[in-house]
Amino acid sequence: MCIKAAKAGKNVITEEPLPEVKTDWVDFYKNVDDILNGRPESKIKISEVRRVIAVMEASWQSARSGQAIPFE
């Protein structure tokens, strides 16, 4: 799987491979259980979630405007 992204300030679209993550959906719920029961820290970091949301919002804005939208 790859992601296509426009570089801010440049009219260039690059395609970069996404890393393959080996996991099972059950791992997510095990981590939630750990957090709720005071065990290890969350594997999902707020800073990472914020970046994903920024990418999604920039994608939607780009789709509406037809322009490359910087998100970082």
N, C-alpha and C. Protein backbone atom coordinates (compact mmCIF):
# COMPACT_ATOMS: atom_id res chain seq x y z
N MET A 1 0.84 -1.17 0.00
CA MET A 1 0.00 0.00 0.00
C MET A 1 0.89 1.23 0.00
N CYS A 2 0.49 2.27 -0.73
CA CYS A 2 1.25 3.51 -0.83
C CYS A 2 0.34 4.69 -0.53
N ILE A 3 0.95 5.79 -0.20
CA ILE A 3 0.22 7.04 0.00
C ILE A 3 0.79 8.06 -0.97
N LYS A 4 -0.07 8.85 -1.56
CA LYS A 4 0.36 9.93 -2.44
C LYS A 4 0.20 11.23 -1.67
N ALA A 5 1.22 12.06 -1.69
CA ALA A 5 1.18 13.31 -0.94
C ALA A 5 1.86 14.41 -1.72
N ALA A 6 1.29 15.60 -1.66
CA ALA A 6 1.91 16.77 -2.28
C ALA A 6 2.80 17.44 -1.25
N LYS A 7 3.97 17.83 -1.65
CA LYS A 7 4.88 18.53 -0.76
C LYS A 7 4.47 20.00 -0.68
N ALA A 8 4.42 20.54 0.53
CA ALA A 8 4.02 21.93 0.73
C ALA A 8 4.93 22.87 -0.05
N GLY A 9 4.33 23.80 -0.77
CA GLY A 9 5.08 24.80 -1.51
C GLY A 9 5.64 24.30 -2.83
N LYS A 10 5.39 23.05 -3.17
CA LYS A 10 5.90 22.49 -4.42
C LYS A 10 4.73 21.87 -5.16
N ASN A 11 4.78 21.89 -6.47
CA ASN A 11 3.74 21.27 -7.27
C ASN A 11 4.17 19.86 -7.66
N VAL A 12 4.55 19.09 -6.66
CA VAL A 12 5.05 17.75 -6.88
C VAL A 12 4.27 16.78 -5.99
N ILE A 13 3.82 15.69 -6.58
CA ILE A 13 3.16 14.65 -5.79
C ILE A 13 4.11 13.47 -5.71
N THR A 14 4.37 13.04 -4.49
CA THR A 14 5.25 11.90 -4.30
C THR A 14 4.43 10.70 -3.81
N GLU A 15 4.92 9.53 -4.12
CA GLU A 15 4.27 8.31 -3.66
C GLU A 15 5.25 7.58 -2.76
N GLU A 16 4.82 7.32 -1.53
CA GLU A 16 5.70 6.67 -0.56
C GLU A 16 5.04 5.40 -0.05
N PRO A 17 5.82 4.34 0.12
CA PRO A 17 5.24 3.10 0.64
C PRO A 17 4.88 3.27 2.12
N LEU A 18 3.81 2.62 2.53
CA LEU A 18 3.43 2.59 3.94
C LEU A 18 3.98 1.32 4.56
N PRO A 19 4.44 1.41 5.80
CA PRO A 19 4.96 0.19 6.44
C PRO A 19 3.82 -0.79 6.72
N GLU A 20 4.11 -2.06 6.59
CA GLU A 20 3.12 -3.06 6.91
C GLU A 20 3.20 -3.35 8.41
N VAL A 21 2.09 -3.29 9.06
CA VAL A 21 2.05 -3.51 10.50
C VAL A 21 1.46 -4.90 10.76
N LYS A 22 2.23 -5.72 11.42
CA LYS A 22 1.76 -7.06 11.77
C LYS A 22 1.09 -6.99 13.14
N THR A 23 -0.21 -7.09 13.15
CA THR A 23 -0.95 -7.07 14.41
C THR A 23 -2.31 -7.71 14.20
N ASP A 24 -2.97 -7.93 15.29
CA ASP A 24 -4.30 -8.51 15.27
C ASP A 24 -5.23 -7.47 15.91
N TRP A 25 -6.44 -7.35 15.43
CA TRP A 25 -7.36 -6.35 15.98
C TRP A 25 -7.59 -6.58 17.47
N VAL A 26 -7.39 -7.80 17.94
CA VAL A 26 -7.57 -8.10 19.36
C VAL A 26 -6.54 -7.34 20.20
N ASP A 27 -5.34 -7.08 19.61
CA ASP A 27 -4.31 -6.34 20.33
C ASP A 27 -4.80 -4.97 20.77
N PHE A 28 -5.60 -4.31 19.93
CA PHE A 28 -6.15 -3.01 20.27
C PHE A 28 -6.98 -3.10 21.55
N TYR A 29 -7.86 -4.07 21.60
CA TYR A 29 -8.75 -4.20 22.75
C TYR A 29 -8.01 -4.67 24.00
N LYS A 30 -6.96 -5.46 23.82
CA LYS A 30 -6.13 -5.85 24.96
C LYS A 30 -5.46 -4.61 25.55
N ASN A 31 -5.00 -3.71 24.67
CA ASN A 31 -4.36 -2.48 25.14
C ASN A 31 -5.36 -1.59 25.85
N VAL A 32 -6.59 -1.50 25.34
CA VAL A 32 -7.64 -0.71 26.01
C VAL A 32 -7.88 -1.28 27.40
N ASP A 33 -7.98 -2.61 27.51
CA ASP A 33 -8.17 -3.25 28.81
C ASP A 33 -7.01 -2.93 29.74
N ASP A 34 -5.78 -2.98 29.22
CA ASP A 34 -4.61 -2.64 30.04
C ASP A 34 -4.72 -1.22 30.58
N ILE A 35 -5.08 -0.27 29.73
CA ILE A 35 -5.17 1.13 30.14
C ILE A 35 -6.24 1.30 31.21
N LEU A 36 -7.39 0.70 30.99
CA LEU A 36 -8.49 0.84 31.95
C LEU A 36 -8.17 0.20 33.29
N ASN A 37 -7.25 -0.75 33.30
CA ASN A 37 -6.88 -1.43 34.53
C ASN A 37 -5.52 -1.01 35.07
N GLY A 38 -5.03 0.15 34.61
CA GLY A 38 -3.81 0.74 35.16
C GLY A 38 -2.51 0.05 34.78
N ARG A 39 -2.54 -0.75 33.75
CA ARG A 39 -1.31 -1.41 33.30
C ARG A 39 -0.62 -0.54 32.24
N PRO A 40 0.27 -1.08 31.42
CA PRO A 40 1.13 -0.26 30.54
C PRO A 40 0.41 0.88 29.80
N GLU A 41 1.22 1.83 29.37
CA GLU A 41 0.67 3.00 28.69
C GLU A 41 0.04 2.64 27.35
N SER A 42 -0.77 3.53 26.86
CA SER A 42 -1.48 3.33 25.60
C SER A 42 -0.51 3.22 24.44
N LYS A 43 -0.76 2.30 23.53
CA LYS A 43 0.04 2.17 22.32
C LYS A 43 -0.38 3.22 21.30
N ILE A 44 -1.53 3.82 21.51
CA ILE A 44 -2.03 4.87 20.63
C ILE A 44 -1.72 6.21 21.30
N LYS A 45 -0.84 6.97 20.70
CA LYS A 45 -0.40 8.25 21.26
C LYS A 45 -1.25 9.39 20.72
N ILE A 46 -1.60 10.33 21.59
CA ILE A 46 -2.42 11.48 21.20
C ILE A 46 -1.74 12.25 20.06
N SER A 47 -0.42 12.41 20.12
CA SER A 47 0.28 13.15 19.07
C SER A 47 0.12 12.46 17.71
N GLU A 48 0.10 11.13 17.72
CA GLU A 48 -0.07 10.39 16.47
C GLU A 48 -1.50 10.54 15.94
N VAL A 49 -2.46 10.52 16.84
CA VAL A 49 -3.86 10.69 16.45
C VAL A 49 -4.07 12.08 15.86
N ARG A 50 -3.48 13.09 16.49
CA ARG A 50 -3.61 14.47 15.98
C ARG A 50 -3.06 14.57 14.56
N ARG A 51 -1.94 13.91 14.29
CA ARG A 51 -1.35 13.98 12.96
C ARG A 51 -2.26 13.30 11.93
N VAL A 52 -2.82 12.16 12.29
CA VAL A 52 -3.72 11.47 11.37
C VAL A 52 -4.94 12.33 11.07
N ILE A 53 -5.50 12.97 12.10
CA ILE A 53 -6.65 13.85 11.89
C ILE A 53 -6.27 15.03 11.00
N ALA A 54 -5.07 15.59 11.21
CA ALA A 54 -4.61 16.69 10.36
C ALA A 54 -4.51 16.27 8.90
N VAL A 55 -4.00 15.06 8.66
CA VAL A 55 -3.90 14.54 7.29
C VAL A 55 -5.29 14.37 6.69
N MET A 56 -6.22 13.81 7.48
CA MET A 56 -7.58 13.61 6.98
C MET A 56 -8.25 14.94 6.65
N GLU A 57 -8.12 15.91 7.56
CA GLU A 57 -8.73 17.22 7.31
C GLU A 57 -8.12 17.90 6.08
N ALA A 58 -6.80 17.80 5.94
CA ALA A 58 -6.14 18.39 4.76
C ALA A 58 -6.60 17.69 3.49
N SER A 59 -6.81 16.38 3.56
CA SER A 59 -7.29 15.62 2.39
C SER A 59 -8.68 16.10 1.97
N TRP A 60 -9.56 16.27 2.95
CA TRP A 60 -10.92 16.73 2.64
C TRP A 60 -10.88 18.14 2.07
N GLN A 61 -10.07 19.01 2.68
CA GLN A 61 -9.97 20.38 2.19
C GLN A 61 -9.38 20.40 0.77
N SER A 62 -8.39 19.56 0.52
CA SER A 62 -7.78 19.48 -0.80
C SER A 62 -8.78 18.99 -1.83
N ALA A 63 -9.59 18.00 -1.46
CA ALA A 63 -10.60 17.47 -2.38
C ALA A 63 -11.63 18.55 -2.73
N ARG A 64 -12.00 19.36 -1.76
CA ARG A 64 -12.97 20.43 -2.02
C ARG A 64 -12.39 21.55 -2.88
N SER A 65 -11.12 21.91 -2.60
CA SER A 65 -10.53 23.07 -3.26
C SER A 65 -9.74 22.72 -4.52
N GLY A 66 -9.32 21.46 -4.65
CA GLY A 66 -8.48 21.07 -5.77
C GLY A 66 -7.03 21.52 -5.62
N GLN A 67 -6.67 21.95 -4.43
CA GLN A 67 -5.32 22.46 -4.16
C GLN A 67 -4.62 21.54 -3.15
N ALA A 68 -3.27 21.56 -3.18
CA ALA A 68 -2.49 20.86 -2.16
C ALA A 68 -2.57 21.66 -0.86
N ILE A 69 -2.86 21.00 0.24
CA ILE A 69 -3.02 21.65 1.53
C ILE A 69 -1.92 21.17 2.47
N PRO A 70 -1.07 22.07 2.97
CA PRO A 70 -0.05 21.65 3.95
C PRO A 70 -0.73 21.28 5.27
N PHE A 71 -0.19 20.29 5.95
CA PHE A 71 -0.83 19.86 7.20
C PHE A 71 0.12 19.74 8.37
N GLU A 72 1.40 20.08 8.19
CA GLU A 72 2.32 20.02 9.32
C GLU A 72 2.99 21.34 9.51
